Protein backbone atom coordinates (compact mmCIF):
# COMPACT_ATOMS: atom_id res chain seq x y z
CA MET A 1 -0.01 0.06 -0.06
CA PHE A 2 1.10 3.46 -0.88
CA ALA A 3 -0.40 6.87 -0.18
CA ARG A 4 0.39 10.40 -1.19
CA THR A 5 -0.63 13.44 0.82
CA PRO A 6 0.12 17.04 0.09
CA ARG A 7 3.68 16.68 1.79
CA LEU A 8 4.17 12.97 2.33
CA LEU A 9 4.74 9.71 0.59
CA LEU A 10 3.60 6.74 2.75
CA ARG A 11 4.96 3.37 1.73
CA PRO A 12 6.00 0.02 3.36
CA GLY A 13 9.51 0.15 4.69
CA TRP A 14 12.21 -1.52 2.69
CA MET A 15 15.45 -2.96 4.07
CA GLU A 16 17.41 -0.09 2.57
CA ASP A 17 15.41 2.07 5.00
CA ALA A 18 16.91 0.47 8.11
CA PRO A 19 19.73 2.92 8.76
CA ALA A 20 17.33 5.98 8.45
CA LEU A 21 14.73 4.23 10.56
CA ALA A 22 17.17 3.35 13.35
CA GLU A 23 18.42 6.97 13.38
CA ALA A 24 14.93 8.63 13.27
CA ILE A 25 13.20 6.46 15.76
CA GLY A 26 16.26 5.88 18.06
CA ASP A 27 15.79 9.14 19.86
CA ALA A 28 14.86 8.67 23.51
CA ALA A 29 12.26 11.42 23.35
CA VAL A 30 10.42 9.45 20.57
CA LEU A 31 10.92 5.99 22.06
CA ARG A 32 9.42 7.02 25.41
CA ASN A 33 6.01 7.54 23.75
CA LEU A 34 5.98 4.07 22.06
CA THR A 35 5.00 0.80 23.63
CA ARG A 36 6.66 -1.65 21.23
CA ALA A 37 10.10 -0.19 20.25
CA PRO A 38 13.02 -0.93 22.63
CA ALA A 39 14.89 1.71 24.41
CA ALA A 40 18.11 1.26 22.66
CA TYR A 41 16.75 1.04 19.20
CA SER A 42 19.33 -0.08 16.72
CA GLN A 43 19.67 -0.89 13.02
CA ALA A 44 19.19 -4.63 13.91
CA ASP A 45 15.78 -3.64 15.46
CA ALA A 46 14.93 -1.67 12.31
CA GLU A 47 15.82 -4.64 10.21
CA ALA A 48 13.76 -7.07 12.22
CA PHE A 49 10.78 -4.59 12.05
CA LEU A 50 11.13 -4.30 8.25
CA ALA A 51 11.35 -8.05 7.79
CA GLN A 52 8.03 -8.70 9.59
CA PRO A 53 5.20 -9.85 7.34
CA GLN A 54 2.48 -7.37 6.64
CA ASP A 55 -1.18 -7.84 7.05
CA PRO A 56 -2.63 -6.41 3.86
CA ARG A 57 -5.68 -4.96 5.63
CA LEU A 58 -3.55 -3.25 8.29
CA PRO A 59 -1.10 -0.89 6.70
CA SER A 60 2.19 -0.10 8.48
CA LEU A 61 3.92 2.61 6.53
CA LEU A 62 6.93 4.90 6.78
CA ALA A 63 6.34 8.57 5.97
CA PHE A 64 8.78 10.46 3.76
CA THR A 65 8.80 14.11 2.83
CA ARG A 66 7.87 14.80 -0.82
CA THR A 67 10.52 17.13 -2.00
CA LYS A 68 12.50 17.81 -5.16
CA GLY A 69 15.59 16.46 -3.33
CA ALA A 70 16.01 13.13 -1.71
CA PRO A 71 13.13 12.14 0.47
CA ARG A 72 13.55 12.32 4.21
CA LEU A 73 12.18 9.96 6.59
CA VAL A 74 9.66 11.90 8.96
CA GLY A 75 8.04 9.03 10.87
CA GLY A 76 5.77 6.05 10.64
CA CYS A 77 2.15 5.22 10.94
CA GLY A 78 0.14 2.11 10.94
CA LEU A 79 -2.60 -0.08 12.32
CA HIS A 80 -1.91 -3.24 14.33
CA ALA A 81 -3.93 -5.86 16.09
CA ALA A 82 -3.74 -5.45 19.89
CA ALA A 83 -3.50 -8.39 22.25
CA ASP A 84 -7.34 -8.42 22.52
CA GLY A 85 -7.73 -8.52 18.79
CA ARG A 86 -8.89 -4.99 18.49
CA VAL A 87 -7.24 -2.87 15.84
CA GLU A 88 -5.28 0.05 17.01
CA LEU A 89 -3.68 3.16 15.37
CA GLY A 90 -0.07 3.94 16.09
CA TYR A 91 2.31 6.54 14.87
CA TRP A 92 5.62 8.31 15.67
CA ILE A 93 7.37 11.36 14.21
CA ALA A 94 11.07 12.02 14.20
CA ARG A 95 11.81 14.95 16.65
CA PRO A 96 12.87 17.45 14.00
CA TYR A 97 9.51 17.23 12.50
CA TRP A 98 7.45 17.58 15.74
CA GLY A 99 4.69 20.23 15.61
CA LEU A 100 4.40 20.52 11.84
CA GLY A 101 1.20 18.33 11.47
CA PHE A 102 2.85 15.41 9.86
CA ALA A 103 1.41 12.87 12.35
CA THR A 104 -2.14 14.12 11.52
CA GLU A 105 -1.52 14.09 7.73
CA ALA A 106 0.09 10.50 7.86
CA ALA A 107 -2.62 9.18 10.25
CA SER A 108 -5.41 10.53 8.16
CA ALA A 109 -4.05 8.78 5.06
CA VAL A 110 -3.73 5.52 6.98
CA MET A 111 -7.31 5.83 8.41
CA HIS A 112 -8.62 6.34 4.88
CA MET A 113 -6.83 3.16 3.85
CA ALA A 114 -8.31 1.31 6.66
CA ARG A 115 -11.77 2.36 5.91
CA ALA A 116 -11.25 1.30 2.22
CA SER A 117 -10.15 -2.05 3.35
CA GLY A 118 -13.27 -2.23 5.56
CA VAL A 119 -11.47 -1.91 8.92
CA ARG A 120 -13.72 -0.25 11.39
CA ASP A 121 -13.77 0.48 15.07
CA VAL A 122 -10.22 1.50 15.28
CA ARG A 123 -8.89 2.75 18.71
CA ALA A 124 -5.83 4.36 19.78
CA ALA A 125 -4.11 5.57 23.10
CA HIS A 126 -1.49 7.96 24.27
CA PHE A 127 0.46 8.35 27.32
CA VAL A 128 -0.91 11.00 29.68
CA ASP A 129 2.29 12.86 29.41
CA ASN A 130 2.17 13.15 25.69
CA PRO A 131 -0.79 15.47 25.03
CA ALA A 132 0.38 16.38 21.57
CA SER A 133 -0.69 12.87 20.49
CA GLY A 134 -4.05 13.42 22.01
CA ASN A 135 -4.43 16.52 19.72
CA VAL A 136 -3.63 14.33 16.76
CA LEU A 137 -6.26 11.88 17.69
CA ARG A 138 -8.90 14.48 18.20
CA LYS A 139 -8.08 16.05 14.89
CA LEU A 140 -8.73 12.70 13.30
CA GLY A 141 -12.30 12.44 14.78
CA PHE A 142 -11.23 10.05 17.63
CA ARG A 143 -13.05 10.59 21.02
CA TYR A 144 -11.96 9.92 24.54
CA ALA A 145 -13.40 6.45 25.54
CA GLY A 146 -13.75 7.22 29.22
CA ARG A 147 -11.01 5.09 30.41
CA MET A 148 -7.26 4.98 31.25
CA GLU A 149 -5.06 1.90 30.93
CA ARG A 150 -1.59 1.19 32.22
CA ARG A 151 0.63 0.22 29.27
CA PHE A 152 4.17 -0.85 29.26
CA SER A 153 6.56 1.19 27.16
CA LEU A 154 9.77 -0.66 26.29
CA GLY A 155 11.28 2.89 25.58
CA ARG A 156 10.42 4.02 29.18
CA GLY A 157 11.08 0.50 30.67
CA ALA A 158 8.01 0.95 32.67
CA ALA A 159 4.28 1.12 32.66
CA ALA A 160 2.50 4.44 32.45
CA ASP A 161 -1.02 5.65 32.23
CA CYS A 162 -2.60 6.05 28.85
CA LEU A 163 -5.86 7.66 27.67
CA VAL A 164 -7.88 5.44 25.40
CA PHE A 165 -9.62 6.84 22.33
CA GLU A 166 -12.02 5.35 19.85
CA GLU A 167 -13.17 6.39 16.45
CA GLY A 168 -15.96 8.89 16.12
CA ALA A 169 -19.47 7.95 17.47
CA SER A 170 -18.12 4.70 19.06
CA GLY A 171 -16.18 6.90 21.56
CA GLN A 172 -17.52 8.85 24.40
CA ALA A 173 -17.95 12.56 23.32
CA GLY A 174 -16.53 14.54 26.11
CA ALA A 175 -13.48 15.62 27.88
CA SER A 176 -10.59 13.36 29.33
CA PRO A 177 -10.36 13.24 33.09
CA MET A 178 -7.24 15.35 32.66
CA MET A 179 -9.30 18.30 31.40
CA THR A 180 -11.28 19.03 34.49
CA ASP A 181 -10.26 22.61 34.72
CA SER A 182 -8.02 25.15 32.93
CA SER A 183 -5.05 24.32 35.15
CA THR A 184 -4.98 20.65 33.96
CA ASP A 185 -6.18 21.19 30.41
CA LEU A 186 -3.68 18.92 28.58
CA TYR A 187 -4.96 19.88 25.11
CA GLY A 188 -4.75 23.63 25.29
CA ASP A 189 -8.54 24.23 24.88
CA SER A 190 -11.29 24.64 27.48
CA LEU A 191 -14.30 22.30 28.28
CA PRO A 192 -16.75 24.84 26.89
CA ALA A 193 -15.03 24.65 23.48
CA LEU A 194 -15.46 20.83 23.54
CA ALA A 195 -19.12 21.17 24.18
CA ALA A 196 -19.68 23.44 21.24
């Protein structure tokens, strides 16, 4: 599966991508927000990831900038089956590209692919101390599901609280428990704005 967005080319990873993947995802600030990537991410880890067979209904893609020069690896985005069989959205962006909207752009393309393949009822989660990921999910139409889960992060080497989100109407419309007043508003907006 391939996708083009205004700024990105999303495609499956190739073995030739292993050095760039190891460098881009190997940043401790990136790894701490992931559950399945080891803390000392190496080229061998990248090669093992790239060698995994893909489920054709669940895209797992690398995102590259579309430029006149050589493409640059920006991040990755994909769907995977969680331990309970539910489909989850996951993504990461290399630190030099944080705050530029690439996660939303890549995840939107992956969600369009998922819907075209008949995949529905996707969920996602983000660590409580990573509110930027919550912003991405909300822009994609995900809603807070009303619960937190402890998830182990290989990058952190520990479990941490995650807020669980679900697609559109299947999720609970409303604010997360972290948004109870303006002093704890993780997402930079207020509760009245959410109700509108």
